[in-house]
Protein backbone atom coordinates (compact mmCIF):
# COMPACT_ATOMS: atom_id res chain seq x y z
CA MET A 1 13.47 -73.50 -17.96
CA TYR A 2 12.88 -72.07 -21.40
CA ASN A 3 12.13 -68.50 -22.28
CA LYS A 4 8.45 -67.91 -23.00
CA ASN A 5 9.11 -67.04 -26.65
CA ILE A 6 11.14 -70.20 -27.26
CA LYS A 7 8.06 -72.22 -26.37
CA LEU A 8 6.09 -70.48 -29.12
CA VAL A 9 8.89 -71.02 -31.66
CA ILE A 10 9.02 -74.73 -30.79
CA ALA A 11 5.23 -74.95 -31.13
CA ALA A 12 5.37 -73.22 -34.54
CA LEU A 13 8.09 -75.60 -35.75
CA ILE A 14 6.10 -78.61 -34.59
CA VAL A 15 2.94 -77.32 -36.32
CA GLY A 16 4.96 -76.81 -39.49
CA THR A 17 6.22 -80.38 -39.26
CA ALA A 18 2.66 -81.58 -38.63
CA ILE A 19 1.43 -79.83 -41.77
CA TRP A 20 4.29 -81.36 -43.77
CA GLN A 21 3.44 -84.83 -42.40
CA MET A 22 -0.22 -84.39 -43.37
CA ILE A 23 0.71 -83.28 -46.89
CA GLU A 24 2.89 -86.37 -47.22
CA GLY A 25 -0.09 -88.51 -46.28
CA TYR A 26 0.84 -89.33 -42.68
CA ILE A 27 -2.32 -87.96 -41.10
CA GLY A 28 -1.83 -89.78 -37.78
CA ASN A 29 1.65 -88.33 -37.36
CA GLY A 30 0.31 -84.85 -38.15
CA ILE A 31 -2.46 -85.11 -35.57
CA MET A 32 -0.03 -86.35 -32.93
CA LEU A 33 2.37 -83.48 -33.68
CA ILE A 34 -0.45 -80.95 -33.40
CA LEU A 35 -1.31 -82.38 -29.98
CA LEU A 36 2.37 -82.09 -29.03
CA ALA A 37 2.42 -78.46 -30.20
CA SER A 38 -0.65 -77.74 -28.07
CA VAL A 39 1.36 -78.80 -25.00
CA PHE A 40 3.93 -76.09 -25.74
CA VAL A 41 1.19 -73.50 -26.28
CA PHE A 42 -0.39 -74.53 -22.96
CA LEU A 43 2.99 -74.17 -21.23
CA TYR A 44 3.34 -70.70 -22.71
CA PHE A 45 0.22 -69.58 -20.87
CA LYS A 46 0.67 -71.74 -17.75
CA ASN A 47 4.28 -72.00 -16.67
CA GLU A 48 5.28 -75.53 -15.70
CA LEU A 49 7.42 -74.48 -12.73
CA ILE A 50 4.63 -72.36 -11.25
CA LEU A 51 2.21 -75.27 -11.67
CA LEU A 52 4.63 -77.58 -9.86
CA ALA A 53 5.07 -74.98 -7.09
CA PHE A 54 1.27 -74.78 -6.69
CA LEU A 55 1.11 -78.57 -6.35
CA ARG A 56 3.77 -78.50 -3.63
CA LEU A 57 2.00 -75.65 -1.86
CA ARG A 58 -1.27 -77.62 -1.80
CA LYS A 59 0.58 -80.30 0.17
CA GLN A 60 1.92 -77.63 2.58
CA ASP A 61 5.46 -78.36 1.34
CA PHE A 62 6.90 -74.83 1.48
CA PRO A 63 10.56 -75.84 0.91
CA GLY A 64 9.55 -77.91 -2.12
CA ALA A 65 7.54 -75.04 -3.59
CA LYS A 66 10.42 -72.65 -2.94
CA LYS A 67 12.76 -75.05 -4.75
CA TRP A 68 10.57 -74.97 -7.88
CA LEU A 69 10.23 -71.19 -7.78
CA ASP A 70 13.99 -70.77 -7.36
CA LYS A 71 14.49 -72.50 -10.70
CA ILE A 72 12.99 -69.43 -12.39
CA LYS A 73 16.10 -67.29 -12.75
CA ASN A 74 14.74 -64.20 -14.52
CA PRO A 75 10.94 -63.92 -14.07
CA GLU A 76 10.60 -60.80 -16.24
CA SER A 77 11.87 -62.51 -19.40
CA ALA A 78 10.74 -66.08 -18.69
CA LEU A 79 7.14 -65.36 -17.63
CA THR A 80 4.13 -63.51 -18.99
CA THR A 81 2.63 -60.71 -16.88
CA LYS A 82 -0.01 -62.92 -15.21
CA GLN A 83 2.61 -65.58 -14.52
CA GLN A 84 4.81 -62.93 -12.88
CA GLY A 85 1.82 -62.03 -10.72
CA TYR A 86 1.42 -65.64 -9.60
CA TYR A 87 5.19 -65.97 -9.10
CA ASN A 88 5.12 -63.01 -6.70
CA TYR A 89 1.89 -64.28 -5.11
CA LEU A 90 3.47 -67.64 -4.28
CA LEU A 91 6.64 -66.02 -2.95
CA GLY A 92 4.53 -63.67 -0.84
CA ILE A 93 2.49 -66.50 0.65
CA MET A 94 5.59 -68.51 1.48
CA LEU A 95 7.44 -65.55 2.97
CA SER A 96 4.43 -64.52 5.05
CA GLN A 97 5.40 -67.39 7.37
CA THR A 98 8.86 -65.95 8.08
CA ASN A 99 9.47 -62.42 6.77
CA ILE A 100 6.36 -60.24 6.63
CA THR A 101 8.12 -57.16 5.24
CA GLN A 102 9.39 -59.10 2.24
CA ALA A 103 6.02 -60.85 1.90
CA GLU A 104 4.22 -57.51 1.79
CA LYS A 105 6.44 -56.36 -1.08
CA TYR A 106 5.77 -59.52 -3.11
CA LEU A 107 2.02 -59.54 -2.45
CA LYS A 108 1.64 -55.88 -3.46
CA LYS A 109 3.59 -56.57 -6.64
CA ALA A 110 1.38 -59.59 -7.36
CA ILE A 111 -1.77 -57.49 -7.00
CA LYS A 112 -0.26 -54.81 -9.23
CA LEU A 113 0.66 -57.34 -11.95
CA GLY A 114 -2.72 -59.01 -11.68
CA LEU A 115 -4.06 -62.40 -10.70
CA SER A 116 -6.52 -64.28 -12.89
CA MET A 117 -8.83 -65.60 -10.20
CA ASN A 118 -10.77 -63.43 -7.75
CA GLN A 119 -10.17 -66.02 -5.01
CA ASP A 120 -6.39 -65.64 -5.35
CA LEU A 121 -6.75 -61.86 -5.27
CA ALA A 122 -8.88 -62.15 -2.13
CA VAL A 123 -6.26 -64.35 -0.43
CA ALA A 124 -3.52 -61.88 -1.34
CA LYS A 125 -5.52 -58.97 0.07
CA LEU A 126 -6.37 -60.96 3.19
CA ASN A 127 -2.67 -61.67 3.77
CA LEU A 128 -1.86 -58.00 3.20
CA ALA A 129 -4.56 -57.07 5.72
CA GLY A 130 -2.96 -59.38 8.28
CA ILE A 131 0.44 -57.83 7.63
CA ALA A 132 -1.02 -54.33 7.95
CA MET A 133 -2.63 -55.34 11.27
CA THR A 134 0.67 -56.59 12.67
CA LYS A 135 2.25 -53.28 11.66
CA ARG A 136 -0.56 -51.34 13.42
CA ARG A 137 -2.03 -49.85 10.23
CA LYS A 138 -5.70 -50.35 11.11
CA ARG A 139 -7.27 -48.24 8.36
CA GLU A 140 -5.30 -49.98 5.59
CA ALA A 141 -6.15 -53.38 7.08
CA GLN A 142 -9.85 -52.45 7.20
CA ASN A 143 -9.84 -51.39 3.55
CA LEU A 144 -8.04 -54.56 2.47
CA LEU A 145 -10.47 -56.72 4.45
CA THR A 146 -13.51 -55.13 2.79
CA GLU A 147 -11.91 -55.62 -0.64
CA ALA A 148 -11.16 -59.26 0.19
CA LYS A 149 -14.75 -59.76 1.34
CA LYS A 150 -16.06 -58.34 -1.96
CA LEU A 151 -13.77 -60.63 -3.97
CA ASP A 152 -14.69 -63.74 -1.98
CA LYS A 153 -17.80 -64.69 -4.00
CA HIS A 154 -18.01 -68.30 -2.77
CA GLY A 155 -17.53 -67.53 0.93
CA MET A 156 -14.41 -69.65 1.27
CA LEU A 157 -12.59 -66.99 3.28
CA LYS A 158 -15.58 -65.95 5.40
CA GLU A 159 -14.20 -67.52 8.58
CA GLN A 160 -10.74 -66.00 8.18
CA ILE A 161 -12.19 -62.56 7.46
CA SER A 162 -14.39 -62.68 10.56
CA MET A 163 -11.42 -63.79 12.68
CA MET A 164 -9.39 -60.84 11.36
CA LYS A 165 -12.22 -58.43 12.18
CA GLN A 166 -12.37 -59.80 15.75
CA GLN A 167 -8.61 -59.34 16.13
CA MET A 168 -8.84 -55.84 14.70
CA LYS A 169 -11.21 -54.80 17.50
CA ARG A 170 -8.38 -55.42 19.98
CA ILE A 171 -6.04 -52.98 18.26
């Protein structure tokens, strides 16, 4: 796992080499090196370990996703702010299965750091609402549910939100 700034330095060096190759007349080599540099720029914005953890999570392989996230030793220096948000989001989702107190901490930190997609933000708030319900904090759960409903533009979480509202009536 490389530091985020090392990826940009590698990309700059590769672009420099690409320009040199083009000046020397090797246009094909230059184009190929520019494409290679674009991979490093892409990995600056989308961390490879977080992408691999997302793939494992889609297959419901929580231990595999945890393994990929554990390879990130120092998230503050290795990840951008949005990537730190997704790092905490993934940890919060995985820990919500076992340790809800720890999951609440990670999900709140993920919301504070920011998530790019409204759907991810809605899922985080929905999980926080469920945690608040289990801890008997009805007002906080209600507020989080209404925020999640506003963020869920495509209606993908409609069923889960209605189930939570039904369960909240029992409290």
